[in-house]
Structures are given as C-alpha cells and as structure tokens.
C-alpha atoms as a PDB file:
ATOM      1  CA  ILE A   1       6.134  11.484   6.435  1.00  0.00           C
ATOM      2  CA  PRO A   2       7.746  11.754   2.948  1.00  0.00           C
ATOM      3  CA  THR A   3      10.966  13.033   4.518  1.00  0.00           C
ATOM      4  CA  ALA A   4      10.954  10.251   7.119  1.00  0.00           C
ATOM      5  CA  ILE A   5      10.447   7.587   4.443  1.00  0.00           C
ATOM      6  CA  ALA A   6      13.236   8.993   2.284  1.00  0.00           C
ATOM      7  CA  CYS A   7      15.635   9.343   5.225  1.00  0.00           C
ATOM      8  CA  GLN A   8      15.049   5.786   6.418  1.00  0.00           C
ATOM      9  CA  TYR A   9      15.493   4.372   2.934  1.00  0.00           C
ATOM     10  CA  ARG A  10      18.718   6.224   2.176  1.00  0.00           C
ATOM     11  CA  LEU A  11      20.210   5.439   5.583  1.00  0.00           C
ATOM     12  CA  SER A  12      19.408   1.749   5.082  1.00  0.00           C
ATOM     13  CA  LYS A  13      21.405   1.896   1.849  1.00  0.00           C
ATOM     14  CA  GLY A  14      24.324   3.784   3.390  1.00  0.00           C
ATOM     15  CA  LEU A  15      23.490   6.875   1.348  1.00  0.00           C
ATOM     16  CA  PRO A  16      23.605  10.473   2.600  1.00  0.00           C
ATOM     17  CA  VAL A  17      20.266  11.929   3.670  1.00  0.00           C
ATOM     18  CA  LEU A  18      18.938  14.662   1.394  1.00  0.00           C
ATOM     19  CA  PRO A  19      16.806  17.416   2.932  1.00  0.00           C
ATOM     20  CA  PRO A  20      13.697  18.583   1.050  1.00  0.00           C
ATOM     21  CA  ARG A  21      14.105  21.547  -1.257  1.00  0.00           C
ATOM     22  CA  ALA A  22      11.834  24.584  -1.228  1.00  0.00           C
ATOM     23  CA  ASP A  23      11.976  24.897  -5.019  1.00  0.00           C
ATOM     24  CA  LEU A  24      10.479  21.439  -5.679  1.00  0.00           C
ATOM     25  CA  SER A  25       6.875  20.273  -5.503  1.00  0.00           C
ATOM     26  CA  HIS A  26       5.667  17.630  -3.051  1.00  0.00           C
ATOM     27  CA  ALA A  27       6.012  14.774  -5.555  1.00  0.00           C
ATOM     28  CA  ALA A  28       9.261  16.068  -7.081  1.00  0.00           C
ATOM     29  CA  ASN A  29      10.778  16.504  -3.623  1.00  0.00           C
ATOM     30  CA  PHE A  30      10.006  12.929  -2.639  1.00  0.00           C
ATOM     31  CA  LEU A  31      11.541  11.498  -5.801  1.00  0.00           C
ATOM     32  CA  TYR A  32      14.590  13.717  -5.338  1.00  0.00           C
ATOM     33  CA  MET A  33      15.046  12.674  -1.686  1.00  0.00           C
ATOM     34  CA  ILE A  34      14.786   8.988  -2.643  1.00  0.00           C
ATOM     35  CA  ARG A  35      16.769   8.935  -5.880  1.00  0.00           C
ATOM     36  CA  GLY A  36      19.229  11.754  -5.284  1.00  0.00           C
ATOM     37  CA  THR A  37      18.549  13.410  -8.636  1.00  0.00           C
ATOM     38  CA  GLU A  38      15.806  15.600 -10.027  1.00  0.00           C
ATOM     39  CA  VAL A  39      13.258  13.913 -12.268  1.00  0.00           C
ATOM     40  CA  ASP A  40      11.447  15.171 -15.343  1.00  0.00           C
ATOM     41  CA  ALA A  41       7.949  16.615 -15.471  1.00  0.00           C
ATOM     42  CA  ALA A  42       6.362  13.358 -16.676  1.00  0.00           C
ATOM     43  CA  ALA A  43       7.654  11.383 -13.696  1.00  0.00           C
ATOM     44  CA  THR A  44       6.652  14.111 -11.264  1.00  0.00           C
ATOM     45  CA  ARG A  45       3.153  14.331 -12.717  1.00  0.00           C
ATOM     46  CA  ALA A  46       2.705  10.543 -12.617  1.00  0.00           C
ATOM     47  CA  LEU A  47       3.598  10.331  -8.925  1.00  0.00           C
ATOM     48  CA  ASP A  48       1.478  13.388  -8.149  1.00  0.00           C
ATOM     49  CA  VAL A  49      -1.588  11.795  -9.761  1.00  0.00           C
ATOM     50  CA  SER A  50      -0.961   8.568  -7.852  1.00  0.00           C
ATOM     51  CA  LEU A  51      -0.748  10.421  -4.529  1.00  0.00           C
ATOM     52  CA  ILE A  52      -3.974  12.304  -5.284  1.00  0.00           C
ATOM     53  CA  LEU A  53      -5.812   9.072  -6.101  1.00  0.00           C
ATOM     54  CA  TYR A  54      -4.600   7.433  -2.892  1.00  0.00           C
ATOM     55  CA  ALA A  55      -5.215  10.454  -0.644  1.00  0.00           C
ATOM     56  CA  GLU A  56      -8.807   9.686   0.338  1.00  0.00           C
ATOM     57  CA  HIS A  57     -11.191   6.792  -0.195  1.00  0.00           C
ATOM     58  CA  GLU A  58     -14.168   6.923   2.149  1.00  0.00           C
ATOM     59  CA  PHE A  59     -14.415   4.376   5.012  1.00  0.00           C
ATOM     60  CA  ASN A  60     -11.683   1.940   4.028  1.00  0.00           C
ATOM     61  CA  ALA A  61     -10.108  -0.248   6.730  1.00  0.00           C
ATOM     62  CA  SER A  62      -7.367   2.168   7.809  1.00  0.00           C
ATOM     63  CA  THR A  63      -9.610   5.243   7.750  1.00  0.00           C
ATOM     64  CA  PHE A  64     -12.281   3.465   9.777  1.00  0.00           C
ATOM     65  CA  THR A  65      -9.588   2.433  12.263  1.00  0.00           C
ATOM     66  CA  ALA A  66      -8.448   6.044  12.616  1.00  0.00           C
ATOM     67  CA  ARG A  67     -12.006   7.236  13.221  1.00  0.00           C
ATOM     68  CA  VAL A  68     -12.670   4.549  15.832  1.00  0.00           C
ATOM     69  CA  VAL A  69      -9.561   5.630  17.746  1.00  0.00           C
ATOM     70  CA  CYS A  70     -10.487   9.313  17.563  1.00  0.00           C
ATOM     71  CA  SER A  71     -14.064   8.527  18.606  1.00  0.00           C
ATOM     72  CA  THR A  72     -12.643   7.642  22.034  1.00  0.00           C
ATOM     73  CA  GLU A  73     -11.391  11.262  22.148  1.00  0.00           C
ATOM     74  CA  SER A  74      -7.829  10.138  21.668  1.00  0.00           C
ATOM     75  CA  ASP A  75      -5.581  12.509  19.696  1.00  0.00           C
ATOM     76  CA  LEU A  76      -4.889  12.886  15.981  1.00  0.00           C
ATOM     77  CA  HIS A  77      -1.465  11.251  16.193  1.00  0.00           C
ATOM     78  CA  SER A  78      -2.895   8.115  17.817  1.00  0.00           C
ATOM     79  CA  GLY A  79      -5.501   7.867  15.077  1.00  0.00           C
ATOM     80  CA  ILE A  80      -2.825   8.106  12.372  1.00  0.00           C
ATOM     81  CA  VAL A  81      -0.608   5.503  14.063  1.00  0.00           C
ATOM     82  CA  ALA A  82      -3.552   3.098  14.324  1.00  0.00           C
ATOM     83  CA  ALA A  83      -4.388   3.678  10.659  1.00  0.00           C
ATOM     84  CA  ILE A  84      -0.816   2.821   9.665  1.00  0.00           C
ATOM     85  CA  GLY A  85      -1.167  -0.471  11.546  1.00  0.00           C
ATOM     86  CA  ALA A  86      -4.262  -1.331   9.508  1.00  0.00           C
ATOM     87  CA  LEU A  87      -2.560  -0.248   6.286  1.00  0.00           C
ATOM     88  CA  LYS A  88       0.299  -2.694   6.846  1.00  0.00           C
ATOM     89  CA  GLY A  89      -1.856  -5.695   5.927  1.00  0.00           C
ATOM     90  CA  PRO A  90      -1.461  -7.151   2.403  1.00  0.00           C
ATOM     91  CA  LEU A  91      -5.223  -6.969   1.812  1.00  0.00           C
ATOM     92  CA  HIS A  92      -5.060  -3.185   2.208  1.00  0.00           C
ATOM     93  CA  GLY A  93      -1.896  -1.110   1.877  1.00  0.00           C
ATOM     94  CA  GLY A  94       0.445  -3.980   1.084  1.00  0.00           C
ATOM     95  CA  ALA A  95      -1.493  -4.941  -2.038  1.00  0.00           C
ATOM     96  CA  SER A  96       0.679  -2.983  -4.484  1.00  0.00           C
ATOM     97  CA  GLU A  97       3.769  -4.828  -3.261  1.00  0.00           C
ATOM     98  CA  GLU A  98       1.994  -8.142  -3.783  1.00  0.00           C
ATOM     99  CA  ALA A  99       0.824  -7.007  -7.223  1.00  0.00           C
ATOM    100  CA  TRP A 100       4.427  -6.437  -8.273  1.00  0.00           C
ATOM    101  CA  SER A 101       5.263  -9.906  -6.951  1.00  0.00           C
ATOM    102  CA  VAL A 102       2.611 -11.343  -9.291  1.00  0.00           C
ATOM    103  CA  LEU A 103       4.176  -9.562 -12.280  1.00  0.00           C
ATOM    104  CA  GLU A 104       7.657 -10.807 -11.415  1.00  0.00           C
ATOM    105  CA  SER A 105       6.420 -14.351 -10.808  1.00  0.00           C
ATOM    106  CA  VAL A 106       4.645 -14.510 -14.174  1.00  0.00           C
ATOM    107  CA  GLY A 107       7.757 -13.179 -15.893  1.00  0.00           C
ATOM    108  CA  SER A 108       6.509 -13.177 -19.482  1.00  0.00           C
ATOM    109  CA  ALA A 109       3.292 -12.578 -21.387  1.00  0.00           C
ATOM    110  CA  GLY A 110       3.340 -16.147 -22.714  1.00  0.00           C
ATOM    111  CA  ASN A 111       3.346 -17.569 -19.200  1.00  0.00           C
ATOM    112  CA  ALA A 112       0.411 -15.513 -17.897  1.00  0.00           C
ATOM    113  CA  GLY A 113      -2.424 -17.935 -18.644  1.00  0.00           C
ATOM    114  CA  ARG A 114      -0.628 -20.962 -17.181  1.00  0.00           C
ATOM    115  CA  TRP A 115       0.442 -19.043 -14.086  1.00  0.00           C
ATOM    116  CA  ILE A 116      -3.081 -17.743 -13.426  1.00  0.00           C
ATOM    117  CA  ASP A 117      -4.571 -21.223 -13.900  1.00  0.00           C
ATOM    118  CA  ARG A 118      -2.127 -22.739 -11.408  1.00  0.00           C
ATOM    119  CA  ALA A 119      -2.734 -19.933  -8.919  1.00  0.00           C
ATOM    120  CA  LEU A 120      -6.510 -20.315  -9.131  1.00  0.00           C
ATOM    121  CA  ALA A 121      -6.211 -24.103  -8.769  1.00  0.00           C
ATOM    122  CA  ARG A 122      -4.442 -23.440  -5.454  1.00  0.00           C
ATOM    123  CA  GLN A 123      -7.220 -20.971  -4.567  1.00  0.00           C
ATOM    124  CA  GLN A 124      -4.585 -18.233  -4.481  1.00  0.00           C
ATOM    125  CA  ARG A 125      -5.787 -14.654  -4.435  1.00  0.00           C
ATOM    126  CA  ILE A 126      -4.524 -12.669  -7.437  1.00  0.00           C
ATOM    127  CA  MET A 127      -3.429  -9.401  -5.871  1.00  0.00           C
ATOM    128  CA  GLY A 128      -4.233  -6.251  -7.802  1.00  0.00           C
ATOM    129  CA  PHE A 129      -7.662  -7.446  -8.922  1.00  0.00           C
ATOM    130  CA  GLY A 130     -11.159  -6.990  -7.523  1.00  0.00           C
ATOM    131  CA  HIS A 131     -12.490  -4.417  -5.079  1.00  0.00           C
ATOM    132  CA  ARG A 132     -15.139  -4.394  -2.372  1.00  0.00           C
ATOM    133  CA  VAL A 133     -16.702  -1.220  -3.813  1.00  0.00           C
ATOM    134  CA  TYR A 134     -15.833  -1.184  -7.528  1.00  0.00           C
ATOM    135  CA  LYS A 135     -17.407  -4.294  -9.038  1.00  0.00           C
ATOM    136  CA  GLN A 136     -17.149  -3.287 -12.709  1.00  0.00           C
ATOM    137  CA  ALA A 137     -13.993  -1.157 -12.853  1.00  0.00           C
ATOM    138  CA  ASP A 138     -11.803   0.853 -10.500  1.00  0.00           C
ATOM    139  CA  PRO A 139     -11.699   4.374 -11.994  1.00  0.00           C
ATOM    140  CA  ARG A 140      -8.373   5.027 -10.282  1.00  0.00           C
ATOM    141  CA  ALA A 141      -6.782   2.162 -12.212  1.00  0.00           C
ATOM    142  CA  THR A 142      -8.190   3.560 -15.446  1.00  0.00           C
ATOM    143  CA  ILE A 143      -6.638   6.964 -14.710  1.00  0.00           C
ATOM    144  CA  LEU A 144      -3.190   5.553 -13.885  1.00  0.00           C
ATOM    145  CA  LYS A 145      -2.899   3.173 -16.845  1.00  0.00           C
ATOM    146  CA  PRO A 146      -1.822   5.776 -19.459  1.00  0.00           C
ATOM    147  CA  TYR A 147       0.815   7.099 -17.049  1.00  0.00           C
ATOM    148  CA  CYS A 148       2.203   3.567 -16.804  1.00  0.00           C
ATOM    149  CA  GLN A 149       2.291   3.268 -20.574  1.00  0.00           C
ATOM    150  CA  GLU A 150       4.057   6.616 -20.967  1.00  0.00           C
ATOM    151  CA  LEU A 151       6.692   5.940 -18.312  1.00  0.00           C
ATOM    152  CA  SER A 152       7.317   2.379 -19.513  1.00  0.00           C
ATOM    153  CA  ARG A 153       8.311   3.789 -22.901  1.00  0.00           C
ATOM    154  CA  GLU A 154      10.467   6.456 -21.273  1.00  0.00           C
ATOM    155  CA  VAL A 155      12.470   3.898 -19.255  1.00  0.00           C
ATOM    156  CA  GLN A 156      12.295   1.261 -22.034  1.00  0.00           C
ATOM    157  CA  GLU A 157      10.488  -1.354 -19.974  1.00  0.00           C
ATOM    158  CA  GLU A 158       7.384  -1.820 -22.110  1.00  0.00           C
ATOM    159  CA  ARG A 159       7.516  -5.582 -21.527  1.00  0.00           C
ATOM    160  CA  TRP A 160       5.876  -5.097 -18.128  1.00  0.00           C
ATOM    161  CA  GLU A 161       2.910  -3.444 -19.822  1.00  0.00           C
ATOM    162  CA  ASP A 162       2.614  -6.426 -22.179  1.00  0.00           C
ATOM    163  CA  ILE A 163       2.756  -8.856 -19.249  1.00  0.00           C
ATOM    164  CA  ALA A 164       0.235  -6.812 -17.263  1.00  0.00           C
ATOM    165  CA  ALA A 165      -2.204  -6.660 -20.183  1.00  0.00           C
ATOM    166  CA  THR A 166      -2.027 -10.433 -20.681  1.00  0.00           C
ATOM    167  CA  ILE A 167      -2.571 -11.077 -16.975  1.00  0.00           C
ATOM    168  CA  GLU A 168      -5.546  -8.702 -16.981  1.00  0.00           C
ATOM    169  CA  GLN A 169      -7.117 -10.588 -19.875  1.00  0.00           C
ATOM    170  CA  ALA A 170      -6.580 -13.928 -18.140  1.00  0.00           C
ATOM    171  CA  VAL A 171      -8.019 -12.814 -14.794  1.00  0.00           C
ATOM    172  CA  VAL A 172     -11.026 -11.081 -16.342  1.00  0.00           C
ATOM    173  CA  ALA A 173     -11.757 -14.125 -18.517  1.00  0.00           C
ATOM    174  CA  ARG A 174     -11.510 -16.591 -15.637  1.00  0.00           C
ATOM    175  CA  LYS A 175     -12.718 -14.633 -12.598  1.00  0.00           C
ATOM    176  CA  LYS A 176     -14.512 -11.564 -14.010  1.00  0.00           C
ATOM    177  CA  LEU A 177     -12.373  -9.374 -11.726  1.00  0.00           C
ATOM    178  CA  PRO A 178     -11.188  -5.995 -13.045  1.00  0.00           C
ATOM    179  CA  PRO A 179      -7.818  -4.545 -11.986  1.00  0.00           C
ATOM    180  CA  ASN A 180      -7.858  -2.224  -8.994  1.00  0.00           C
ATOM    181  CA  VAL A 181      -5.648   0.787  -8.305  1.00  0.00           C
ATOM    182  CA  ASP A 182      -2.821  -1.339  -6.892  1.00  0.00           C
ATOM    183  CA  TRP A 183      -2.277  -3.067 -10.244  1.00  0.00           C
ATOM    184  CA  PRO A 184      -1.033  -0.038 -12.230  1.00  0.00           C
ATOM    185  CA  THR A 185       0.531   1.491  -9.110  1.00  0.00           C
ATOM    186  CA  ALA A 186       2.967  -1.404  -8.770  1.00  0.00           C
ATOM    187  CA  ARG A 187       4.240  -0.824 -12.303  1.00  0.00           C
ATOM    188  CA  LEU A 188       4.204   2.960 -12.037  1.00  0.00           C
ATOM    189  CA  TYR A 189       6.415   2.973  -8.948  1.00  0.00           C
ATOM    190  CA  HIS A 190       8.794   0.515 -10.602  1.00  0.00           C
ATOM    191  CA  TYR A 191       9.172   2.807 -13.609  1.00  0.00           C
ATOM    192  CA  LEU A 192       9.835   5.697 -11.215  1.00  0.00           C
ATOM    193  CA  GLY A 193      12.746   3.757  -9.733  1.00  0.00           C
ATOM    194  CA  LEU A 194      11.077   3.315  -6.354  1.00  0.00           C
ATOM    195  CA  PRO A 195      11.942   0.154  -4.384  1.00  0.00           C
ATOM    196  CA  VAL A 196       9.131  -2.285  -3.620  1.00  0.00           C
ATOM    197  CA  ARG A 197       9.779  -2.095   0.118  1.00  0.00           C
ATOM    198  CA  ILE A 198       8.502   1.500   0.250  1.00  0.00           C
ATOM    199  CA  TYR A 199       5.316   1.007  -1.794  1.00  0.00           C
ATOM    200  CA  THR A 200       3.173   0.738   1.340  1.00  0.00           C
ATOM    201  CA  PRO A 201       4.881   3.683   3.082  1.00  0.00           C
ATOM    202  CA  ILE A 202       4.125   5.747  -0.041  1.00  0.00           C
ATOM    203  CA  PHE A 203       0.478   4.731   0.327  1.00  0.00           C
ATOM    204  CA  ALA A 204       0.595   6.040   3.915  1.00  0.00           C
ATOM    205  CA  MET A 205       2.311   9.215   2.727  1.00  0.00           C
ATOM    206  CA  ALA A 206      -0.639   9.887   0.426  1.00  0.00           C
ATOM    207  CA  ARG A 207      -3.488   8.642   2.603  1.00  0.00           C
ATOM    208  CA  VAL A 208      -2.389  10.634   5.667  1.00  0.00           C
ATOM    209  CA  ALA A 209      -4.246  13.617   4.185  1.00  0.00           C
ATOM    210  CA  GLY A 210      -7.486  11.654   4.181  1.00  0.00           C
ATOM    211  CA  TRP A 211      -6.841  10.146   7.609  1.00  0.00           C
ATOM    212  CA  ALA A 212      -6.227  13.576   9.106  1.00  0.00           C
ATOM    213  CA  ALA A 213      -9.402  14.993   7.566  1.00  0.00           C
ATOM    214  CA  HIS A 214     -11.477  12.089   8.885  1.00  0.00           C
ATOM    215  CA  CYS A 215      -9.943  12.348  12.364  1.00  0.00           C
ATOM    216  CA  ILE A 216     -10.631  16.088  12.530  1.00  0.00           C
ATOM    217  CA  GLU A 217     -14.208  15.555  11.363  1.00  0.00           C
ATOM    218  CA  GLN A 218     -14.706  12.791  13.931  1.00  0.00           C
ATOM    219  CA  LEU A 219     -13.355  14.933  16.763  1.00  0.00           C
ATOM    220  CA  ASP A 220     -15.474  17.921  15.696  1.00  0.00           C
ATOM    221  CA  HIS A 221     -18.728  15.919  15.591  1.00  0.00           C
ATOM    222  CA  ASN A 222     -17.875  13.052  17.866  1.00  0.00           C
ATOM    223  CA  ARG A 223     -19.879  10.081  18.983  1.00  0.00           C
ATOM    224  CA  LEU A 224     -18.157   6.998  20.375  1.00  0.00           C
ATOM    225  CA  MET A 225     -18.114   4.173  17.834  1.00  0.00           C
ATOM    226  CA  ARG A 226     -19.282   1.033  19.586  1.00  0.00           C
ATOM    227  CA  PRO A 227     -20.554  -1.692  17.203  1.00  0.00           C
ATOM    228  CA  ARG A 228     -22.675  -4.484  18.662  1.00  0.00           C
ATOM    229  CA  GLY A 229     -21.861  -8.143  18.204  1.00  0.00           C
ATOM    230  CA  ARG A 230     -24.343 -10.782  17.042  1.00  0.00           C
ATOM    231  CA  TYR A 231     -24.017 -14.192  18.685  1.00  0.00           C
ATOM    232  CA  ILE A 232     -23.834 -17.032  16.142  1.00  0.00           C
ATOM    233  CA  GLY A 233     -22.751 -19.895  18.427  1.00  0.00           C
ATOM    234  CA  PRO A 234     -24.752 -22.907  19.668  1.00  0.00           C
ATOM    235  CA  PRO A 235     -28.315 -22.230  20.915  1.00  0.00           C
ATOM    236  CA  ARG A 236     -29.110 -21.912  24.611  1.00  0.00           C
ATOM    237  CA  ARG A 237     -28.427 -25.153  26.500  1.00  0.00           C
ATOM    238  CA  HIS A 238     -29.651 -26.268  29.897  1.00  0.00           C
ATOM    239  CA  VAL A 239     -26.902 -27.009  32.409  1.00  0.00           C
ATOM    240  CA  ARG A 240     -27.938 -29.184  35.324  1.00  0.00           C
ATOM    241  CA  ALA A 241     -26.736 -28.231  38.765  1.00  0.00           C
ATOM    242  CA  ALA A 242     -23.913 -30.285  40.262  1.00  0.00           C
ATOM    243  CA  GLY A 243     -25.067 -33.444  42.025  1.00  0.00           C
ATOM    244  CA  ARG A 244     -28.281 -33.867  40.033  1.00  0.00           C
END
C-alpha cells in the first residue's frame, strides 16, 4: 500500500516512480518514495510514531466494516477494500484533511476566536476535535504534539503551532471538546512535506495492519454478524378491506 500510494502520487505529478529501498525503514522508505530524497531521523521517527498510533483502534467504523465482511466468510482482500470505503468518509479517515482545512481557513492566531464563533453559529463541526471514545483527552494527540512542535521548528513554520494552540483554546472554552489525533496529524504531515490529498491514504497505509489482524481473528473464530433492527415508525394501524 505505501508503494502504491507513492507511485500514484508521483505519476500524477509527472515525476519518475521510485522503488522502495531495502536499506530504509518503513517510514523512511515512504517519505523517500514520495519526496524523492532521504529525510533525517527526526522526520522518520515522527512519521513512524504516527503510523503506530493509527495502526489499530478497536472497533472503529472501518474495522467493524472489515469484520462484518469477513464474517460472511468472504476473503481478507474484500474486508480490506470494504474498510477503505468506510475510511473515505470525512467523519473517519478524511478528518485529518478537514483539520488542515480548518487551520488554513483560520489563517492567523488572532482570527481563531472569531472564526470559531462564526463556525459554531452556523452549527459547523470543527474537525479535529472530540471523539466518541475519548471524552477528556485523546492520548494519541498528546503523544504527537511534541513531534509537531519539533518539526515545526525544523522547517521554520512555528506559526501553525501558534494558530493550532489558539484554536484549541477557543474550542475547549466554547465546546469543551479536546483535540483528537487528527488535529496534530494534519500539521505533522504538512511539516513532513506530504500533500493533503494523501492524508487519508496514509491513514489506510497504517490501519491496514489492524484491519488485517481483525479480519484474521474474525475468520479464525467466525460467527456471522447480523444486527437486528428496532422499528421506530408509527404504531400498528388497522387497514379496512376494500369495499368496506
């Protein structure tokens, strides 16, 4: 999957495809195949940590989708393809792309409060904040934040950290929502020189390890997943026969 993502990206830019190198790690190889140059240890470590944090996360939407498919005794590949379909949605895998859009739209630390107020007045969801499981704090976001700070200094783009911090303060003050993992990820990938259009494919590149493990477990101890529905429509009504 990393090689496929890198090949597609470079071909779309009219750049020569770079094969993976045996002397580079998984994260270093991906950055090399995308950027065309080797990166330093700090950049490699930052991406590696991000991939580890994204690799597995219990019964999220895409993982559950993969397990449902495999519960029909379909094959591993079908489960992974179905999971990718679920990951495409902006409320799941596409969230880091939307989080970067928020940062760009705000533009400056001084504009954060006004922008958040206008967004909330429109009942707009602030992507990169809140989580169905982590109500107090997303530990993955906490882990990634220092990597963002380090890389922002390295590439001299600290202003994004200032903007992000101001947005965080505004959202927490108004909505009591902590940042989730997609919030620092959006900045981290930007500092690594990765284009926004491949943020979600990178998520898939990491999560495929978790998907595969879940699919194998489902197939090894299988029982068809068949949830029941609960009717919530109008109550039973009497229908008179025709002619009466």
